[in-house]
Amino acid sequence: MAAPMVLAQTAPGAAPETGTATETATGTIHADRPGPVMNRQVFGQFAEHLGHGIYGGVWVGANSAIPNDHGYRSDVIAALRAIKVPVVRWPGGCFADEYHWRDGIGPAAARPVKINTNWGGVNEDNAFGTQEYMGFVERLGAEAYVSANVGSAPPSETAAWIEYLTSPTGSTLAKERAANGHPAPFKVTYLGVGNELWGCGGNMRAEYAADLTNRYAQFAKSGAGPMLKIASGPSDSNYEWTDTMMRLAGKAIDGLSLHYYTRPRDANWNDKGPALGFTEREWAATMAHTLQMEEFVTRHSAIMDKYDPAKKTWLVVDEWGTWYDPAPGTNPGFLVQQNSLRDAVVAALNLNIFAHHADRVKMAAIAQMVNVLQAMLLTDGARMVKTPTYWVFDLYKPWQDATTLPIDLQSPVYRNGDTALPAISASAVRDTGGRMHVALANLDPHRAIPVAMTLPGLRPGSVSGRILTAPAMDAHNDFDHPDALVPLPFHGAQVKGGALAVALPPMSVVVLDLQ
């Protein structure tokens, strides 16, 4: 699935592998040359019927003793609203291509109970279905991204689902929706045309998948405004898939998905490495594998440019994040893992890469939102904890719909064994209110690195910021220590003479606000 580990990687503009521990990261933030807007949808989330991602994570039912709003966990809703979640992808994932939407409508007691064959072999009672999902995104103020079943259902099933959701007329399906409690049509902004059709979505050849994409896209018609159709795109470095889909189905779609998971050990999916208690070698490998996202996005974008030079088709990175071995003692099919400072730095690296490709990467979804893989939130009964990754998304809120600012960066090198990487990652934006923000991540776990940036086009009078860091690589929050790792005020930056100087601590994520 993942490409081979990169043992020596240098980002564009990074310093060559020479220098000493006193090196400074230097560069220019071009406030005078604004770039494309970074769509808020890049900060999207993914909620699959997997483990406790939905049940116990988002949904507890109206009769639960856990505080809830008509079945939705009140604490989870409040936490997700606080980071301004813009879009939620549902119901999968691999689950989507075995999901039949009619199983999840009507009275909950009458819905069929099935087996979740992809994730743990547990019962799926369909208590959380179409109505519940749409109620969830409405409560978040987010947009709906529905994944259609292409693997095991005909096009007519997708077409009927979209009519049920969006028809404003008195059609039979619209009347059925009204009878189920929602007379007004729902707004479905995005439709995923299948999921991982090269794998769990049907083990298809690219040519066959492209033909199916044309067919399903043809018959899925929204009755409630524009609906962008996102094709099942490649995994990792499968550039042939991208070329085939764009060549054969490019005119039928509005976006192409890309999936890539960061694993410390990428030789065997059954041996990914632990989420906690890892070595520095695995820290370095995780960072190296994360930085491969730059190569994947660049090369897939270049292929898309051949068929779409105007960049109208979105590259949608709708599954990304870390994937470790399951937490000891948990159902291995539930993909439970802790979330540490390492994950926070991974999140910042990916978001910076997406910012650098804002002309093509228009939407993304970290995997996954609650209790699964690189989650925003973890729950246990009535308790909830915000992960370090959650706090990175909180720090990066100004990036939503902000104008990106190009950066020329020369970074010192972080070395561990035969791995050599640029130590500093950065992005900068001008937000919708006109303020400038700079994000810096130091992936070196030992070395504080000075950063010096010139700022043509801007002469700020002051700088403030927040930092996320800790003394240990696997520092994390748990239910007994929910605030062990949270952003704190950062006082290590100053502006003088139109330049920015930062003393960036080891293994840290810093976001600065300039004015």
Protein backbone atom coordinates (compact mmCIF):
# COMPACT_ATOMS: atom_id res chain seq x y z
CA MET A 1 0.00 0.00 0.00
CA ALA A 2 2.54 2.64 1.09
CA ALA A 3 5.63 3.49 -0.89
CA PRO A 4 9.00 2.25 0.40
CA MET A 5 10.53 4.23 3.22
CA VAL A 6 12.52 7.28 2.20
CA LEU A 7 15.86 7.09 3.99
CA ALA A 8 17.09 10.46 2.79
CA GLN A 9 14.62 13.14 1.83
CA THR A 10 15.06 16.84 1.19
CA ALA A 11 12.11 19.15 0.69
CA PRO A 12 12.19 21.76 -2.05
CA GLY A 13 14.29 24.63 -0.79
CA ALA A 14 15.73 22.69 2.14
CA ALA A 15 19.39 22.93 3.04
CA PRO A 16 21.78 20.27 1.81
CA GLU A 17 22.94 17.72 4.34
CA THR A 18 25.71 19.83 5.76
CA GLY A 19 25.97 22.08 8.76
CA THR A 20 26.02 21.98 12.53
CA ALA A 21 23.62 22.05 15.44
CA THR A 22 23.74 25.85 15.42
CA GLU A 23 22.15 26.16 11.98
CA THR A 24 19.27 28.56 11.53
CA ALA A 25 16.26 27.99 9.32
CA THR A 26 15.97 30.98 7.02
CA GLY A 27 13.54 32.06 4.39
CA THR A 28 11.02 34.50 3.02
CA ILE A 29 7.27 34.68 3.44
CA HIS A 30 5.93 36.45 0.38
CA ALA A 31 3.08 38.53 1.74
CA ASP A 32 3.52 40.57 -1.45
CA ARG A 33 2.68 37.55 -3.68
CA PRO A 34 -0.55 36.00 -2.37
CA GLY A 35 -1.36 32.51 -3.56
CA PRO A 36 -4.58 30.49 -3.84
CA VAL A 37 -7.18 30.21 -1.11
CA MET A 38 -6.95 27.19 1.18
CA ASN A 39 -10.50 25.85 1.22
CA ARG A 40 -11.89 25.26 4.68
CA GLN A 41 -12.92 21.79 3.44
CA VAL A 42 -9.26 20.73 3.72
CA PHE A 43 -9.92 20.51 7.46
CA GLY A 44 -12.66 17.92 6.95
CA GLN A 45 -13.31 14.83 9.03
CA PHE A 46 -14.11 11.19 8.35
CA ALA A 47 -16.66 9.18 10.36
CA GLU A 48 -16.98 5.52 9.43
CA HIS A 49 -19.06 2.78 11.00
CA LEU A 50 -15.95 1.35 12.61
CA GLY A 51 -15.35 0.43 16.24
CA HIS A 52 -16.62 3.20 18.49
CA GLY A 53 -16.29 5.93 15.89
CA ILE A 54 -20.05 6.33 15.58
CA TYR A 55 -21.62 4.33 18.40
CA GLY A 56 -20.32 5.66 21.69
CA GLY A 57 -18.27 8.29 19.89
CA VAL A 58 -20.83 10.44 18.11
CA TRP A 59 -24.10 8.69 18.90
CA VAL A 60 -25.35 7.35 22.23
CA GLY A 61 -29.12 7.49 21.66
CA ALA A 62 -31.65 9.79 23.23
CA ASN A 63 -32.16 7.52 26.26
CA SER A 64 -28.50 7.46 27.24
CA ALA A 65 -27.38 8.75 30.64
CA ILE A 66 -24.53 10.47 28.79
CA PRO A 67 -25.56 14.10 28.15
CA ASN A 68 -26.87 14.26 24.61
CA ASP A 69 -28.86 16.28 22.12
CA HIS A 70 -31.47 13.88 20.70
CA GLY A 71 -28.90 11.08 20.79
CA TYR A 72 -25.79 13.04 19.78
CA ARG A 73 -23.11 13.36 22.47
CA SER A 74 -23.22 16.96 23.70
CA ASP A 75 -19.51 17.06 24.55
CA VAL A 76 -18.47 15.75 21.12
CA ILE A 77 -20.73 18.20 19.29
CA ALA A 78 -19.35 21.13 21.31
CA ALA A 79 -15.72 20.08 20.78
CA LEU A 80 -16.12 19.64 17.02
CA ARG A 81 -17.99 22.91 16.64
CA ALA A 82 -15.12 24.64 18.44
CA ILE A 83 -12.66 23.64 15.69
CA LYS A 84 -15.17 24.59 12.99
CA VAL A 85 -15.43 21.19 11.30
CA PRO A 86 -16.39 22.07 7.72
CA VAL A 87 -17.35 18.70 6.21
CA VAL A 88 -17.83 15.10 7.39
CA ARG A 89 -17.40 12.08 5.13
CA TRP A 90 -19.76 9.16 5.90
CA PRO A 91 -20.54 6.17 6.09
CA GLY A 92 -17.11 4.92 4.92
CA GLY A 93 -14.56 3.80 4.01
CA CYS A 94 -14.80 0.11 3.30
CA PHE A 95 -18.12 0.09 5.15
CA ALA A 96 -19.67 2.28 2.42
CA ASP A 97 -19.44 -0.36 -0.31
CA GLU A 98 -21.50 -2.80 1.73
CA TYR A 99 -23.95 -0.18 3.02
CA HIS A 100 -27.52 -0.06 1.76
CA TRP A 101 -29.14 3.23 2.64
CA ARG A 102 -32.61 1.83 3.19
CA ASP A 103 -31.28 -0.10 6.17
CA GLY A 104 -30.78 3.22 7.95
CA ILE A 105 -34.09 5.04 7.52
CA GLY A 106 -37.46 4.83 9.26
CA PRO A 107 -38.14 3.82 12.88
CA ALA A 108 -34.94 2.65 14.54
CA ALA A 109 -36.60 -0.42 16.05
CA ALA A 110 -37.60 -1.61 12.58
CA ARG A 111 -34.16 -1.28 11.02
CA PRO A 112 -32.33 -4.51 10.19
CA VAL A 113 -29.37 -5.73 12.23
CA LYS A 114 -26.43 -6.78 10.08
CA ILE A 115 -22.82 -7.83 10.53
CA ASN A 116 -20.04 -5.31 10.02
CA THR A 117 -17.84 -7.67 8.01
CA ASN A 118 -15.08 -5.12 7.50
CA TRP A 119 -14.52 -3.96 11.05
CA GLY A 120 -14.59 -6.47 13.85
CA GLY A 121 -17.45 -8.73 12.78
CA VAL A 122 -19.82 -7.01 15.22
CA ASN A 123 -23.52 -6.30 14.89
CA GLU A 124 -24.54 -3.13 13.07
CA ASP A 125 -28.07 -2.17 14.12
CA ASN A 126 -28.27 0.83 11.78
CA ALA A 127 -29.43 3.11 14.60
CA PHE A 128 -27.26 5.81 13.02
CA GLY A 129 -28.47 6.20 9.45
CA THR A 130 -29.22 8.88 6.89
CA GLN A 131 -31.45 11.03 9.11
CA GLU A 132 -29.01 10.83 12.02
CA TYR A 133 -26.00 11.68 9.86
CA MET A 134 -27.71 14.69 8.32
CA GLY A 135 -28.76 15.84 11.80
CA PHE A 136 -25.15 15.49 12.90
CA VAL A 137 -23.67 17.68 10.16
CA GLU A 138 -26.45 20.21 10.69
CA ARG A 139 -25.52 20.46 14.37
CA LEU A 140 -21.88 20.98 13.44
CA GLY A 141 -22.67 23.58 10.80
CA ALA A 142 -20.79 21.32 8.37
CA GLU A 143 -21.39 20.08 4.84
CA ALA A 144 -22.41 16.54 3.94
CA TYR A 145 -20.04 14.23 2.04
CA VAL A 146 -21.91 11.00 1.37
CA SER A 147 -20.04 7.93 0.10
CA ALA A 148 -22.15 5.85 -2.28
CA ASN A 149 -22.08 2.08 -2.53
CA VAL A 150 -20.53 1.24 -5.90
CA GLY A 151 -19.03 -2.10 -4.87
CA SER A 152 -22.21 -4.03 -4.07
CA ALA A 153 -25.19 -1.94 -5.20
CA PRO A 154 -26.51 -0.84 -8.62
CA PRO A 155 -26.56 2.78 -9.82
CA SER A 156 -30.30 2.92 -9.20
CA GLU A 157 -29.66 2.57 -5.46
CA THR A 158 -27.37 5.60 -5.40
CA ALA A 159 -29.80 7.59 -7.56
CA ALA A 160 -32.71 6.75 -5.25
CA TRP A 161 -30.68 7.71 -2.14
CA ILE A 162 -29.83 11.11 -3.59
CA GLU A 163 -33.46 11.65 -4.58
CA TYR A 164 -34.59 10.68 -1.08
CA LEU A 165 -32.12 13.14 0.41
CA THR A 166 -32.49 16.11 -1.91
CA SER A 167 -35.78 16.06 -3.84
CA PRO A 168 -37.90 19.18 -3.18
CA THR A 169 -40.90 17.74 -5.03
CA GLY A 170 -43.79 15.55 -4.01
CA SER A 171 -42.15 12.41 -5.33
CA THR A 172 -42.71 9.13 -3.52
CA LEU A 173 -39.19 9.21 -2.09
CA ALA A 174 -39.55 12.83 -0.97
CA LYS A 175 -42.81 11.93 0.76
CA GLU A 176 -41.07 9.03 2.46
CA ARG A 177 -38.37 11.40 3.74
CA ALA A 178 -41.08 13.71 5.06
CA ALA A 179 -42.82 10.81 6.77
CA ASN A 180 -39.51 10.02 8.43
CA GLY A 181 -39.38 13.49 9.93
CA HIS A 182 -37.73 15.82 7.42
CA PRO A 183 -40.12 17.44 4.92
CA ALA A 184 -37.51 19.87 3.58
CA PRO A 185 -34.80 18.48 1.29
CA PHE A 186 -31.35 17.94 2.69
CA LYS A 187 -28.33 19.58 1.10
CA VAL A 188 -25.72 17.05 -0.02
CA THR A 189 -22.70 19.03 -1.18
CA TYR A 190 -20.41 16.12 -2.04
CA LEU A 191 -20.99 12.58 -3.30
CA GLY A 192 -18.23 10.00 -3.17
CA VAL A 193 -18.61 7.62 -6.12
CA GLY A 194 -17.40 4.51 -4.33
CA ASN A 195 -14.43 4.02 -2.04
CA GLU A 196 -11.09 2.38 -2.78
CA LEU A 197 -12.42 0.62 -5.85
CA TRP A 198 -8.92 -0.80 -6.32
CA GLY A 199 -9.29 -2.61 -2.96
CA CYS A 200 -12.14 -3.18 -0.51
CA GLY A 201 -14.54 -1.39 -2.87
CA GLY A 202 -14.37 -4.20 -5.42
CA ASN A 203 -10.74 -5.07 -6.33
CA MET A 204 -11.26 -3.44 -9.74
CA ARG A 205 -8.97 -2.54 -12.59
CA ALA A 206 -8.70 1.20 -13.16
CA GLU A 207 -10.40 1.00 -16.57
CA TYR A 208 -13.41 -0.84 -15.14
CA ALA A 209 -13.59 1.54 -12.18
CA ALA A 210 -13.57 4.52 -14.57
CA ASP A 211 -16.43 3.04 -16.59
CA LEU A 212 -18.45 2.49 -13.40
CA THR A 213 -17.66 6.02 -12.25
CA ASN A 214 -19.11 7.43 -15.47
CA ARG A 215 -22.20 5.29 -15.04
CA TYR A 216 -22.92 6.05 -11.38
CA ALA A 217 -22.16 9.76 -11.77
CA GLN A 218 -24.59 9.97 -14.69
CA PHE A 219 -27.60 8.87 -12.66
CA ALA A 220 -26.92 10.56 -9.31
CA LYS A 221 -28.78 13.89 -9.58
CA SER A 222 -29.27 16.33 -6.74
CA GLY A 223 -32.55 18.17 -6.37
CA ALA A 224 -31.14 20.69 -3.91
CA GLY A 225 -28.42 22.60 -5.72
CA PRO A 226 -24.96 21.65 -7.00
CA MET A 227 -23.44 18.39 -5.79
CA LEU A 228 -19.77 17.72 -6.51
CA LYS A 229 -18.97 14.13 -7.45
CA ILE A 230 -15.71 12.72 -6.10
CA ALA A 231 -14.29 9.65 -7.85
CA SER A 232 -12.48 6.86 -6.04
CA GLY A 233 -8.87 7.78 -6.66
CA PRO A 234 -5.50 6.20 -5.97
CA SER A 235 -3.66 5.00 -2.93
CA ASP A 236 -0.18 6.33 -2.29
CA SER A 237 1.93 6.19 -5.49
CA ASN A 238 -0.56 4.50 -7.84
CA TYR A 239 -0.08 7.11 -10.54
CA GLU A 240 -1.42 4.82 -13.26
CA TRP A 241 -4.82 4.81 -11.51
CA THR A 242 -4.93 8.60 -11.54
CA ASP A 243 -4.02 8.75 -15.21
CA THR A 244 -6.67 6.22 -16.17
CA MET A 245 -9.44 7.82 -14.10
CA MET A 246 -8.69 11.29 -15.39
CA ARG A 247 -8.42 10.10 -18.98
CA LEU A 248 -11.59 7.98 -19.00
CA ALA A 249 -13.82 9.60 -16.38
CA GLY A 250 -12.41 13.10 -15.94
CA LYS A 251 -15.36 14.80 -17.62
CA ALA A 252 -17.87 13.11 -15.31
CA ILE A 253 -16.30 14.07 -11.99
CA ASP A 254 -15.51 17.14 -9.93
CA GLY A 255 -12.84 15.59 -7.74
CA LEU A 256 -10.52 12.63 -7.37
CA SER A 257 -9.71 11.16 -3.98
CA LEU A 258 -6.26 10.19 -2.65
CA HIS A 259 -5.64 7.92 0.34
CA TYR A 260 -2.36 7.73 2.23
CA TYR A 261 -1.63 6.54 5.75
CA THR A 262 1.59 7.19 7.64
CA ARG A 263 3.04 4.07 9.30
CA PRO A 264 6.36 3.92 11.16
CA ARG A 265 7.03 0.43 9.80
CA ASP A 266 5.68 0.20 6.28
CA ALA A 267 6.92 -3.22 5.17
CA ASN A 268 4.00 -5.16 6.67
CA TRP A 269 0.46 -3.98 7.40
CA ASN A 270 0.36 -6.39 10.37
CA ASP A 271 3.39 -4.76 11.99
CA LYS A 272 2.96 -0.99 11.87
CA GLY A 273 4.56 -0.08 15.18
CA PRO A 274 3.09 1.05 18.53
CA ALA A 275 1.31 4.33 19.15
CA LEU A 276 3.17 4.85 22.44
CA GLY A 277 6.54 3.74 23.77
CA PHE A 278 8.21 3.97 20.37
CA THR A 279 11.87 4.65 19.68
CA GLU A 280 13.40 7.71 18.08
CA ARG A 281 14.05 5.53 15.04
CA GLU A 282 10.29 5.12 14.69
CA TRP A 283 9.74 8.84 15.30
CA ALA A 284 12.12 9.58 12.41
CA ALA A 285 10.56 6.94 10.16
CA THR A 286 7.10 8.36 10.87
CA MET A 287 8.24 11.84 9.86
CA ALA A 288 9.93 10.52 6.71
CA HIS A 289 6.82 8.65 5.65
CA THR A 290 4.62 11.65 6.39
CA LEU A 291 6.75 13.87 4.16
CA GLN A 292 6.11 11.47 1.28
CA MET A 293 2.71 13.15 1.05
CA GLU A 294 4.50 16.02 -0.70
CA GLU A 295 5.69 13.69 -3.47
CA PHE A 296 2.33 11.97 -3.84
CA VAL A 297 0.35 15.22 -4.05
CA THR A 298 2.86 16.75 -6.46
CA ARG A 299 2.92 13.83 -8.86
CA HIS A 300 -0.82 13.09 -8.81
CA SER A 301 -1.47 16.82 -9.37
CA ALA A 302 0.88 16.83 -12.36
CA ILE A 303 -1.05 13.95 -13.93
CA MET A 304 -4.33 15.75 -13.30
CA ASP A 305 -2.85 18.86 -14.92
CA LYS A 306 -2.46 16.95 -18.18
CA TYR A 307 -6.22 16.46 -18.44
CA ASP A 308 -7.36 19.47 -16.43
CA PRO A 309 -4.88 22.35 -16.87
CA ALA A 310 -7.44 24.80 -15.47
CA LYS A 311 -7.41 22.85 -12.17
CA LYS A 312 -11.19 22.60 -11.99
CA THR A 313 -11.06 19.04 -10.66
CA TRP A 314 -10.28 18.84 -6.96
CA LEU A 315 -7.68 16.54 -5.47
CA VAL A 316 -9.47 15.29 -2.35
CA VAL A 317 -7.20 13.67 0.25
CA ASP A 318 -10.13 12.12 2.06
CA GLU A 319 -8.20 9.53 4.07
CA TRP A 320 -4.94 10.58 5.69
CA GLY A 321 -3.26 10.23 9.05
CA THR A 322 -1.28 7.81 11.18
CA TRP A 323 -2.02 4.10 11.43
CA TYR A 324 -0.39 2.10 14.22
CA ASP A 325 -0.88 -1.34 15.73
CA PRO A 326 -4.16 -1.58 17.71
CA ALA A 327 -3.99 -0.66 21.37
CA PRO A 328 -3.30 -3.77 23.49
CA GLY A 329 -6.46 -5.47 24.72
CA THR A 330 -8.77 -3.89 22.14
CA ASN A 331 -10.66 -5.48 19.25
CA PRO A 332 -8.10 -5.30 16.42
CA GLY A 333 -10.91 -4.50 14.00
CA PHE A 334 -11.76 -1.33 15.93
CA LEU A 335 -8.45 0.42 15.07
CA VAL A 336 -8.04 1.96 18.51
CA GLN A 337 -4.79 3.86 19.04
CA GLN A 338 -3.53 6.59 21.33
CA ASN A 339 -2.63 9.97 19.93
CA SER A 340 0.60 11.66 20.97
CA LEU A 341 2.83 14.63 20.27
CA ARG A 342 4.17 12.62 17.32
CA ASP A 343 0.70 12.67 15.77
CA ALA A 344 0.41 16.40 16.34
CA VAL A 345 3.61 17.02 14.38
CA VAL A 346 2.39 14.65 11.64
CA ALA A 347 -0.85 16.63 11.40
CA ALA A 348 1.03 19.92 11.09
CA LEU A 349 3.31 18.52 8.37
CA ASN A 350 0.34 17.34 6.33
CA LEU A 351 -1.59 20.58 6.73
CA ASN A 352 1.47 22.56 5.65
CA ILE A 353 1.81 20.35 2.56
CA PHE A 354 -1.86 20.86 1.72
CA ALA A 355 -1.38 24.61 2.08
CA HIS A 356 1.50 24.49 -0.41
CA HIS A 357 -0.84 22.75 -2.89
CA ALA A 358 -3.95 24.81 -2.25
CA ASP A 359 -4.41 25.25 -6.00
CA ARG A 360 -5.27 21.55 -6.35
CA VAL A 361 -5.94 20.11 -2.87
CA LYS A 362 -9.38 21.52 -2.20
CA MET A 363 -10.73 19.06 0.35
CA ALA A 364 -9.37 16.47 2.76
CA ALA A 365 -10.55 14.27 5.63
CA ILE A 366 -8.34 13.01 8.40
CA ALA A 367 -9.00 9.41 9.44
CA GLN A 368 -10.86 9.41 11.71
CA MET A 369 -12.88 11.81 13.80
CA VAL A 370 -13.57 9.99 17.08
CA ASN A 371 -11.98 6.89 18.68
CA VAL A 372 -10.46 5.52 15.46
CA LEU A 373 -6.88 5.93 14.14
CA GLN A 374 -5.66 9.56 14.30
CA ALA A 375 -8.73 10.83 16.09
CA MET A 376 -9.67 14.32 17.19
CA LEU A 377 -11.42 12.95 20.27
CA LEU A 378 -11.41 9.85 22.45
CA THR A 379 -14.39 8.78 24.55
CA ASP A 380 -14.92 6.27 27.35
CA GLY A 381 -18.45 6.16 28.66
CA ALA A 382 -19.32 9.69 29.75
CA ARG A 383 -15.69 10.86 29.54
CA MET A 384 -14.12 12.59 26.56
CA VAL A 385 -10.59 13.79 25.87
CA LYS A 386 -9.21 16.07 23.17
CA THR A 387 -6.12 14.65 21.50
CA PRO A 388 -2.95 16.51 20.48
CA THR A 389 -4.18 16.28 16.87
CA TYR A 390 -7.38 18.07 17.91
CA TRP A 391 -5.28 20.92 19.24
CA VAL A 392 -3.36 21.20 15.95
CA PHE A 393 -6.67 21.62 14.14
CA ASP A 394 -7.58 24.27 16.71
CA LEU A 395 -4.29 26.10 16.09
CA TYR A 396 -4.84 26.04 12.33
CA LYS A 397 -8.38 27.44 12.35
CA PRO A 398 -7.22 30.71 10.70
CA TRP A 399 -6.15 28.65 7.65
CA GLN A 400 -9.79 27.91 6.77
CA ASP A 401 -10.62 29.87 3.60
CA ALA A 402 -7.45 31.93 4.06
CA THR A 403 -5.17 33.12 1.26
CA THR A 404 -1.93 31.17 1.22
CA LEU A 405 1.38 33.01 1.13
CA PRO A 406 4.34 31.42 -0.68
CA ILE A 407 7.36 30.52 1.46
CA ASP A 408 10.98 30.04 0.44
CA LEU A 409 12.54 28.00 3.25
CA GLN A 410 16.06 26.73 3.84
CA SER A 411 15.99 24.26 6.71
CA PRO A 412 18.66 22.53 8.77
CA VAL A 413 18.61 18.74 8.57
CA TYR A 414 17.37 16.34 11.23
CA ARG A 415 19.26 13.05 11.15
CA ASN A 416 18.62 9.73 12.78
CA GLY A 417 20.60 6.77 11.51
CA ASP A 418 20.30 6.77 7.74
CA THR A 419 17.26 9.06 7.76
CA ALA A 420 17.90 12.71 6.90
CA LEU A 421 15.00 15.17 6.74
CA PRO A 422 14.42 18.92 6.70
CA ALA A 423 13.84 19.76 10.34
CA ILE A 424 11.41 22.63 9.80
CA SER A 425 8.06 22.71 8.02
CA ALA A 426 6.14 25.95 7.55
CA SER A 427 3.10 27.53 5.97
CA ALA A 428 1.63 31.02 6.10
CA VAL A 429 -1.72 32.58 5.30
CA ARG A 430 -3.62 35.84 5.36
CA ASP A 431 -6.97 35.07 6.96
CA THR A 432 -10.38 36.33 5.85
CA GLY A 433 -10.02 39.29 8.21
CA GLY A 434 -6.66 40.32 6.74
CA ARG A 435 -4.38 39.09 9.54
CA MET A 436 -1.26 37.08 8.79
CA HIS A 437 -0.52 33.75 10.46
CA VAL A 438 2.56 31.52 10.31
CA ALA A 439 2.72 27.84 11.27
CA LEU A 440 6.05 26.24 12.12
CA ALA A 441 6.75 22.61 13.01
CA ASN A 442 10.10 21.40 14.30
CA LEU A 443 10.34 17.64 13.81
CA ASP A 444 13.79 17.37 15.42
CA PRO A 445 13.14 15.86 18.88
CA HIS A 446 16.39 17.19 20.37
CA ARG A 447 17.32 20.52 18.87
CA ALA A 448 15.82 23.96 19.28
CA ILE A 449 16.20 25.68 15.93
CA PRO A 450 16.23 29.44 15.31
CA VAL A 451 14.02 30.56 12.43
CA ALA A 452 14.57 33.86 10.63
CA MET A 453 12.08 35.02 8.00
CA THR A 454 11.89 38.17 5.92
CA LEU A 455 8.40 39.47 5.20
CA PRO A 456 8.22 41.48 1.98
CA GLY A 457 4.86 43.18 1.69
CA LEU A 458 4.28 43.25 5.44
CA ARG A 459 5.67 45.26 8.34
CA PRO A 460 3.98 43.83 11.44
CA GLY A 461 4.15 45.69 14.69
CA SER A 462 3.69 42.71 16.99
CA VAL A 463 3.55 38.93 17.11
CA SER A 464 1.82 36.52 19.46
CA GLY A 465 1.31 32.82 19.31
CA ARG A 466 0.65 29.41 20.85
CA ILE A 467 2.81 26.31 21.07
CA LEU A 468 2.11 22.60 21.38
CA THR A 469 5.08 20.64 22.74
CA ALA A 470 6.21 18.37 25.56
CA PRO A 471 9.43 16.78 26.89
CA ALA A 472 8.51 13.28 25.65
CA MET A 473 7.96 12.14 22.04
CA ASP A 474 4.89 10.13 23.07
CA ALA A 475 3.36 12.71 25.42
CA HIS A 476 -0.42 12.40 25.22
CA ASN A 477 -3.72 13.13 26.90
CA ASP A 478 -5.73 10.39 28.59
CA PHE A 479 -8.94 10.27 30.59
CA ASP A 480 -7.12 10.80 33.88
CA HIS A 481 -4.93 13.58 32.46
CA PRO A 482 -7.03 15.23 29.74
CA ASP A 483 -4.97 18.43 29.64
CA ALA A 484 -1.45 17.02 29.81
CA LEU A 485 -0.71 18.31 26.30
CA VAL A 486 -2.54 21.46 25.26
CA PRO A 487 -1.47 24.65 23.48
CA LEU A 488 0.20 27.26 25.67
CA PRO A 489 1.13 30.88 25.01
CA PHE A 490 4.36 31.17 23.03
CA HIS A 491 6.77 34.01 23.75
CA GLY A 492 9.73 32.94 21.61
CA ALA A 493 9.00 35.13 18.58
CA GLN A 494 9.62 38.76 17.75
CA VAL A 495 9.31 41.06 14.76
CA LYS A 496 11.78 43.80 13.99
CA GLY A 497 12.47 45.78 10.86
CA GLY A 498 10.01 43.79 8.79
CA ALA A 499 11.56 40.43 9.77
CA LEU A 500 10.38 37.56 11.97
CA ALA A 501 12.70 35.75 14.41
CA VAL A 502 11.58 32.61 16.23
CA ALA A 503 13.30 30.35 18.74
CA LEU A 504 11.55 27.09 17.86
CA PRO A 505 11.75 24.40 20.55
CA PRO A 506 12.32 20.73 19.69
CA MET A 507 9.38 18.59 18.49
CA SER A 508 6.92 21.44 18.55
CA VAL A 509 4.11 23.02 16.59
CA VAL A 510 3.85 26.80 16.80
CA VAL A 511 1.26 29.09 15.23
CA LEU A 512 2.01 32.83 15.20
CA ASP A 513 -0.37 35.74 14.69
CA LEU A 514 1.17 38.88 13.22
CA GLN A 515 -0.36 42.32 13.23
